[in-house]
């Protein structure tokens, strides 16, 4: 079997497919097989080579979404917000970041706050 020269591309393909499916079907209703079916030739083994579980994929998506935008650091600079306002601030900033053309890998859905 040939070794993949670009594992980061494979990981990105997996995360993109998973993100799309989690948004469309929901996390609970998305299976690893659903993700495989979106990956044009990749196998379940390829997914399990990079991720131990669906939960690990979700964690990677969360880390990717929030580390790039650094929304938590921005939120800490806001004064006078209660807990709910802080949560709303983080969600709005993250949504704004990921819907700009240079940052959006796929269209993201936003829940009104």
N, C-alpha and C. Protein backbone atom coordinates (compact mmCIF):
# COMPACT_ATOMS: atom_id res chain seq x y z
N UNK A 1 0.84 -1.17 0.00
CA UNK A 1 0.00 0.00 0.00
C UNK A 1 0.89 1.24 0.00
N UNK A 2 0.58 2.21 -0.84
CA UNK A 2 1.36 3.43 -0.94
C UNK A 2 1.15 4.31 0.29
N UNK A 3 2.23 4.94 0.71
CA UNK A 3 2.15 5.83 1.87
C UNK A 3 1.66 7.20 1.41
N UNK A 4 0.77 7.79 2.17
CA UNK A 4 0.22 9.10 1.87
C UNK A 4 1.28 10.17 2.15
N UNK A 5 1.67 10.93 1.12
CA UNK A 5 2.68 11.97 1.30
C UNK A 5 2.13 13.19 2.02
N UNK A 6 0.82 13.37 2.00
CA UNK A 6 0.20 14.57 2.54
C UNK A 6 -0.91 14.21 3.52
N UNK A 7 -0.56 13.69 4.71
CA UNK A 7 -1.60 13.30 5.66
C UNK A 7 -2.46 14.48 6.12
N UNK A 8 -1.89 15.69 6.14
CA UNK A 8 -2.68 16.85 6.57
C UNK A 8 -3.83 17.12 5.61
N UNK A 9 -3.66 16.79 4.31
CA UNK A 9 -4.75 16.94 3.35
C UNK A 9 -5.85 15.93 3.63
N UNK A 10 -5.47 14.73 3.99
CA UNK A 10 -6.45 13.70 4.32
C UNK A 10 -7.24 14.12 5.56
N UNK A 11 -6.55 14.61 6.56
CA UNK A 11 -7.21 15.07 7.79
C UNK A 11 -8.18 16.19 7.45
N UNK A 12 -7.76 17.14 6.62
CA UNK A 12 -8.63 18.26 6.26
C UNK A 12 -9.87 17.77 5.50
N UNK A 13 -9.70 16.80 4.61
CA UNK A 13 -10.86 16.23 3.89
C UNK A 13 -11.84 15.58 4.87
N UNK A 14 -11.30 14.84 5.82
CA UNK A 14 -12.15 14.19 6.82
C UNK A 14 -12.91 15.23 7.64
N UNK A 15 -12.20 16.25 8.10
CA UNK A 15 -12.83 17.28 8.92
C UNK A 15 -13.87 18.07 8.13
N UNK A 16 -13.60 18.36 6.88
CA UNK A 16 -14.56 19.10 6.05
C UNK A 16 -15.83 18.29 5.85
N UNK A 17 -15.67 17.00 5.55
CA UNK A 17 -16.85 16.14 5.36
C UNK A 17 -17.62 16.00 6.66
N UNK A 18 -16.91 15.80 7.76
CA UNK A 18 -17.58 15.64 9.06
C UNK A 18 -18.31 16.93 9.44
N UNK A 19 -17.67 18.07 9.25
CA UNK A 19 -18.31 19.35 9.59
C UNK A 19 -19.61 19.52 8.82
N UNK A 20 -19.56 19.23 7.54
CA UNK A 20 -20.75 19.37 6.69
C UNK A 20 -21.86 18.43 7.17
N UNK A 21 -21.51 17.20 7.45
CA UNK A 21 -22.51 16.23 7.89
C UNK A 21 -23.05 16.55 9.28
N UNK A 22 -22.20 16.99 10.18
CA UNK A 22 -22.66 17.35 11.52
C UNK A 22 -23.65 18.50 11.45
N UNK A 23 -23.41 19.44 10.54
CA UNK A 23 -24.34 20.56 10.38
C UNK A 23 -25.65 20.12 9.72
N UNK A 24 -25.55 19.25 8.72
CA UNK A 24 -26.74 18.81 7.98
C UNK A 24 -27.58 17.81 8.76
N UNK A 25 -26.93 16.79 9.33
CA UNK A 25 -27.66 15.69 9.96
C UNK A 25 -27.63 15.74 11.48
N UNK A 26 -26.68 16.47 12.02
CA UNK A 26 -26.47 16.47 13.46
C UNK A 26 -25.40 15.44 13.82
N UNK A 27 -24.71 15.70 14.91
CA UNK A 27 -23.64 14.81 15.36
C UNK A 27 -24.15 13.40 15.63
N UNK A 28 -25.24 13.30 16.36
CA UNK A 28 -25.77 11.99 16.76
C UNK A 28 -26.23 11.14 15.58
N UNK A 29 -26.66 11.79 14.51
CA UNK A 29 -27.19 11.06 13.36
C UNK A 29 -26.16 10.86 12.25
N UNK A 30 -24.94 11.25 12.49
CA UNK A 30 -23.86 11.04 11.53
C UNK A 30 -23.01 9.88 11.99
N UNK A 31 -22.75 8.95 11.08
CA UNK A 31 -21.90 7.81 11.40
C UNK A 31 -20.55 7.96 10.71
N UNK A 32 -19.60 7.19 11.15
CA UNK A 32 -18.29 7.16 10.48
C UNK A 32 -18.49 6.74 9.02
N UNK A 33 -19.40 5.81 8.76
CA UNK A 33 -19.67 5.39 7.38
C UNK A 33 -20.21 6.54 6.55
N UNK A 34 -21.04 7.40 7.13
CA UNK A 34 -21.53 8.58 6.41
C UNK A 34 -20.35 9.45 5.98
N UNK A 35 -19.39 9.63 6.87
CA UNK A 35 -18.21 10.43 6.54
C UNK A 35 -17.42 9.76 5.43
N UNK A 36 -17.20 8.46 5.54
CA UNK A 36 -16.48 7.70 4.50
C UNK A 36 -17.15 7.89 3.14
N UNK A 37 -18.47 7.84 3.13
CA UNK A 37 -19.21 7.96 1.87
C UNK A 37 -18.99 9.31 1.19
N UNK A 38 -18.57 10.32 1.94
CA UNK A 38 -18.31 11.65 1.38
C UNK A 38 -16.86 11.84 0.93
N UNK A 39 -16.03 10.84 1.11
CA UNK A 39 -14.59 11.01 0.94
C UNK A 39 -13.99 10.42 -0.33
N UNK A 40 -14.76 10.25 -1.33
CA UNK A 40 -14.26 9.89 -2.66
C UNK A 40 -13.02 9.00 -2.65
N UNK A 41 -13.21 7.76 -2.24
CA UNK A 41 -12.13 6.79 -2.33
C UNK A 41 -11.38 6.51 -1.04
N UNK A 42 -11.54 7.34 -0.04
CA UNK A 42 -10.89 7.04 1.23
C UNK A 42 -11.69 5.97 1.96
N UNK A 43 -11.02 5.26 2.81
CA UNK A 43 -11.66 4.14 3.50
C UNK A 43 -11.89 4.46 4.97
N UNK A 44 -12.65 3.61 5.62
CA UNK A 44 -12.86 3.73 7.05
C UNK A 44 -11.51 3.62 7.78
N UNK A 45 -10.65 2.78 7.25
CA UNK A 45 -9.31 2.64 7.84
C UNK A 45 -8.53 3.94 7.81
N UNK A 46 -8.70 4.72 6.75
CA UNK A 46 -8.02 6.02 6.65
C UNK A 46 -8.51 6.95 7.75
N UNK A 47 -9.80 6.93 8.02
CA UNK A 47 -10.33 7.77 9.09
C UNK A 47 -9.77 7.31 10.43
N UNK A 48 -9.81 6.01 10.68
CA UNK A 48 -9.33 5.50 11.96
C UNK A 48 -7.81 5.61 12.10
N UNK A 49 -7.10 5.78 11.02
CA UNK A 49 -5.66 6.03 11.08
C UNK A 49 -5.40 7.41 11.71
N UNK A 50 -6.27 8.36 11.41
CA UNK A 50 -6.09 9.73 11.88
C UNK A 50 -6.90 10.06 13.13
N UNK A 51 -8.03 9.39 13.32
CA UNK A 51 -8.93 9.69 14.44
C UNK A 51 -9.39 8.38 15.06
N UNK A 52 -9.40 8.31 16.39
CA UNK A 52 -9.82 7.09 17.07
C UNK A 52 -11.32 6.91 17.08
N UNK A 53 -12.07 8.03 16.96
CA UNK A 53 -13.51 7.95 17.08
C UNK A 53 -14.17 9.18 16.47
N UNK A 54 -15.47 9.12 16.37
CA UNK A 54 -16.25 10.27 15.91
C UNK A 54 -16.10 11.42 16.90
N UNK A 55 -16.03 11.11 18.18
CA UNK A 55 -15.84 12.14 19.20
C UNK A 55 -14.51 12.86 19.01
N UNK A 56 -13.48 12.14 18.64
CA UNK A 56 -12.18 12.77 18.40
C UNK A 56 -12.23 13.70 17.17
N UNK A 57 -13.03 13.34 16.18
CA UNK A 57 -13.23 14.21 15.03
C UNK A 57 -13.91 15.50 15.48
N UNK A 58 -14.93 15.38 16.31
CA UNK A 58 -15.64 16.55 16.82
C UNK A 58 -14.69 17.44 17.63
N UNK A 59 -13.85 16.85 18.44
CA UNK A 59 -12.87 17.62 19.21
C UNK A 59 -11.91 18.36 18.29
N UNK A 60 -11.46 17.70 17.23
CA UNK A 60 -10.56 18.36 16.28
C UNK A 60 -11.26 19.53 15.59
N UNK A 61 -12.53 19.36 15.25
CA UNK A 61 -13.30 20.46 14.64
C UNK A 61 -13.42 21.63 15.61
N UNK A 62 -13.72 21.34 16.85
CA UNK A 62 -13.84 22.39 17.86
C UNK A 62 -12.51 23.12 18.02
N UNK A 63 -11.43 22.38 18.14
CA UNK A 63 -10.12 22.99 18.31
C UNK A 63 -9.77 23.87 17.11
N UNK A 64 -10.08 23.37 15.92
CA UNK A 64 -9.80 24.12 14.69
C UNK A 64 -10.62 25.40 14.64
N UNK A 65 -11.89 25.31 14.94
CA UNK A 65 -12.77 26.47 14.84
C UNK A 65 -12.42 27.54 15.85
N UNK A 66 -12.12 27.16 17.07
CA UNK A 66 -11.90 28.17 18.10
C UNK A 66 -10.45 28.63 18.19
N UNK A 67 -9.48 27.85 17.77
CA UNK A 67 -8.09 28.30 17.86
C UNK A 67 -7.79 29.35 16.80
N UNK A 68 -8.35 29.20 15.60
CA UNK A 68 -8.08 30.16 14.53
C UNK A 68 -8.65 31.53 14.86
N UNK A 69 -9.83 31.57 15.35
CA UNK A 69 -10.51 32.84 15.59
C UNK A 69 -10.04 33.51 16.88
N UNK A 70 -9.51 32.73 17.81
CA UNK A 70 -9.06 33.23 19.10
C UNK A 70 -10.15 34.05 19.79
N UNK A 71 -11.38 33.57 19.66
CA UNK A 71 -12.53 34.31 20.20
C UNK A 71 -12.55 34.35 21.72
N UNK A 72 -11.96 33.38 22.37
CA UNK A 72 -11.97 33.40 23.82
C UNK A 72 -11.06 34.50 24.37
N UNK A 73 -9.94 34.70 23.72
CA UNK A 73 -9.06 35.80 24.13
C UNK A 73 -9.79 37.13 23.95
N UNK A 74 -10.46 37.30 22.80
CA UNK A 74 -11.22 38.53 22.56
C UNK A 74 -12.30 38.73 23.61
N UNK A 75 -12.97 37.65 23.97
CA UNK A 75 -14.05 37.73 24.96
C UNK A 75 -13.51 38.18 26.31
N UNK A 76 -12.33 37.73 26.67
CA UNK A 76 -11.74 38.10 27.95
C UNK A 76 -11.49 39.61 28.04
N UNK A 77 -11.33 40.26 26.89
CA UNK A 77 -11.07 41.70 26.86
C UNK A 77 -12.35 42.51 27.04
N UNK A 78 -13.50 41.84 26.90
CA UNK A 78 -14.78 42.53 27.08
C UNK A 78 -15.08 42.65 28.57
N UNK A 79 -15.52 43.81 29.00
CA UNK A 79 -15.82 43.99 30.42
C UNK A 79 -17.33 44.14 30.61
N UNK A 80 -17.79 43.74 31.74
CA UNK A 80 -19.19 43.93 32.09
C UNK A 80 -20.16 42.94 31.46
N UNK A 81 -19.66 41.81 30.96
CA UNK A 81 -20.56 40.80 30.38
C UNK A 81 -20.84 39.72 31.42
N UNK A 82 -22.11 39.28 31.47
CA UNK A 82 -22.41 38.14 32.33
C UNK A 82 -22.11 36.85 31.54
N UNK A 83 -22.32 35.70 32.14
CA UNK A 83 -22.00 34.43 31.50
C UNK A 83 -22.70 34.21 30.18
N UNK A 84 -23.99 34.48 30.13
CA UNK A 84 -24.76 34.30 28.90
C UNK A 84 -24.26 35.24 27.81
N UNK A 85 -23.97 36.47 28.18
CA UNK A 85 -23.47 37.45 27.20
C UNK A 85 -22.10 37.03 26.67
N UNK A 86 -21.27 36.46 27.53
CA UNK A 86 -19.96 35.97 27.09
C UNK A 86 -20.12 34.83 26.09
N UNK A 87 -21.02 33.90 26.39
CA UNK A 87 -21.26 32.79 25.47
C UNK A 87 -21.76 33.31 24.13
N UNK A 88 -22.69 34.23 24.15
CA UNK A 88 -23.20 34.80 22.90
C UNK A 88 -22.10 35.52 22.14
N UNK A 89 -21.25 36.23 22.85
CA UNK A 89 -20.15 36.95 22.21
C UNK A 89 -19.23 35.96 21.48
N UNK A 90 -18.86 34.88 22.17
CA UNK A 90 -17.97 33.88 21.57
C UNK A 90 -18.62 33.26 20.34
N UNK A 91 -19.88 32.88 20.43
CA UNK A 91 -20.56 32.25 19.30
C UNK A 91 -20.68 33.21 18.11
N UNK A 92 -21.01 34.47 18.38
CA UNK A 92 -21.12 35.44 17.29
C UNK A 92 -19.77 35.69 16.63
N UNK A 93 -18.74 35.87 17.42
CA UNK A 93 -17.41 36.12 16.86
C UNK A 93 -16.93 34.93 16.04
N UNK A 94 -17.18 33.73 16.54
CA UNK A 94 -16.79 32.54 15.80
C UNK A 94 -17.54 32.46 14.48
N UNK A 95 -18.83 32.75 14.51
CA UNK A 95 -19.64 32.73 13.29
C UNK A 95 -19.14 33.78 12.30
N UNK A 96 -18.85 34.96 12.78
CA UNK A 96 -18.34 36.02 11.91
C UNK A 96 -17.03 35.60 11.26
N UNK A 97 -16.15 35.02 12.05
CA UNK A 97 -14.85 34.59 11.53
C UNK A 97 -15.01 33.55 10.43
N UNK A 98 -15.86 32.57 10.67
CA UNK A 98 -15.99 31.45 9.74
C UNK A 98 -16.91 31.74 8.55
N UNK A 99 -17.55 32.86 8.52
CA UNK A 99 -18.38 33.18 7.35
C UNK A 99 -17.74 34.22 6.45
N UNK A 100 -16.55 34.70 6.81
CA UNK A 100 -15.84 35.58 5.89
C UNK A 100 -15.27 34.73 4.77
N UNK A 101 -15.22 35.25 3.54
CA UNK A 101 -14.79 34.45 2.38
C UNK A 101 -13.43 33.78 2.56
N UNK A 102 -12.48 34.45 3.17
CA UNK A 102 -11.15 33.87 3.30
C UNK A 102 -11.07 32.76 4.33
N UNK A 103 -12.06 32.63 5.20
CA UNK A 103 -12.01 31.62 6.26
C UNK A 103 -13.05 30.52 6.12
N UNK A 104 -14.00 30.67 5.23
CA UNK A 104 -15.08 29.69 5.18
C UNK A 104 -14.73 28.55 4.23
N UNK A 105 -14.57 27.36 4.81
CA UNK A 105 -14.34 26.17 4.00
C UNK A 105 -15.63 25.67 3.40
N UNK A 106 -16.71 25.77 4.14
CA UNK A 106 -18.04 25.42 3.69
C UNK A 106 -18.99 26.45 4.28
N UNK A 107 -20.16 26.56 3.76
CA UNK A 107 -21.10 27.50 4.36
C UNK A 107 -21.53 26.96 5.71
N UNK A 108 -21.56 27.81 6.70
CA UNK A 108 -21.95 27.38 8.03
C UNK A 108 -23.31 27.94 8.39
N UNK A 109 -24.03 27.19 9.16
CA UNK A 109 -25.34 27.63 9.58
C UNK A 109 -25.21 28.31 10.94
N UNK A 110 -25.97 29.33 11.15
CA UNK A 110 -25.92 30.05 12.42
C UNK A 110 -27.26 29.94 13.11
N UNK A 111 -27.20 29.70 14.39
CA UNK A 111 -28.41 29.68 15.20
C UNK A 111 -28.62 31.08 15.74
N UNK A 112 -29.78 31.70 15.52
CA UNK A 112 -30.01 33.05 16.03
C UNK A 112 -29.85 33.10 17.53
N UNK A 113 -29.21 34.14 18.02
CA UNK A 113 -28.99 34.27 19.47
C UNK A 113 -29.90 35.30 20.04
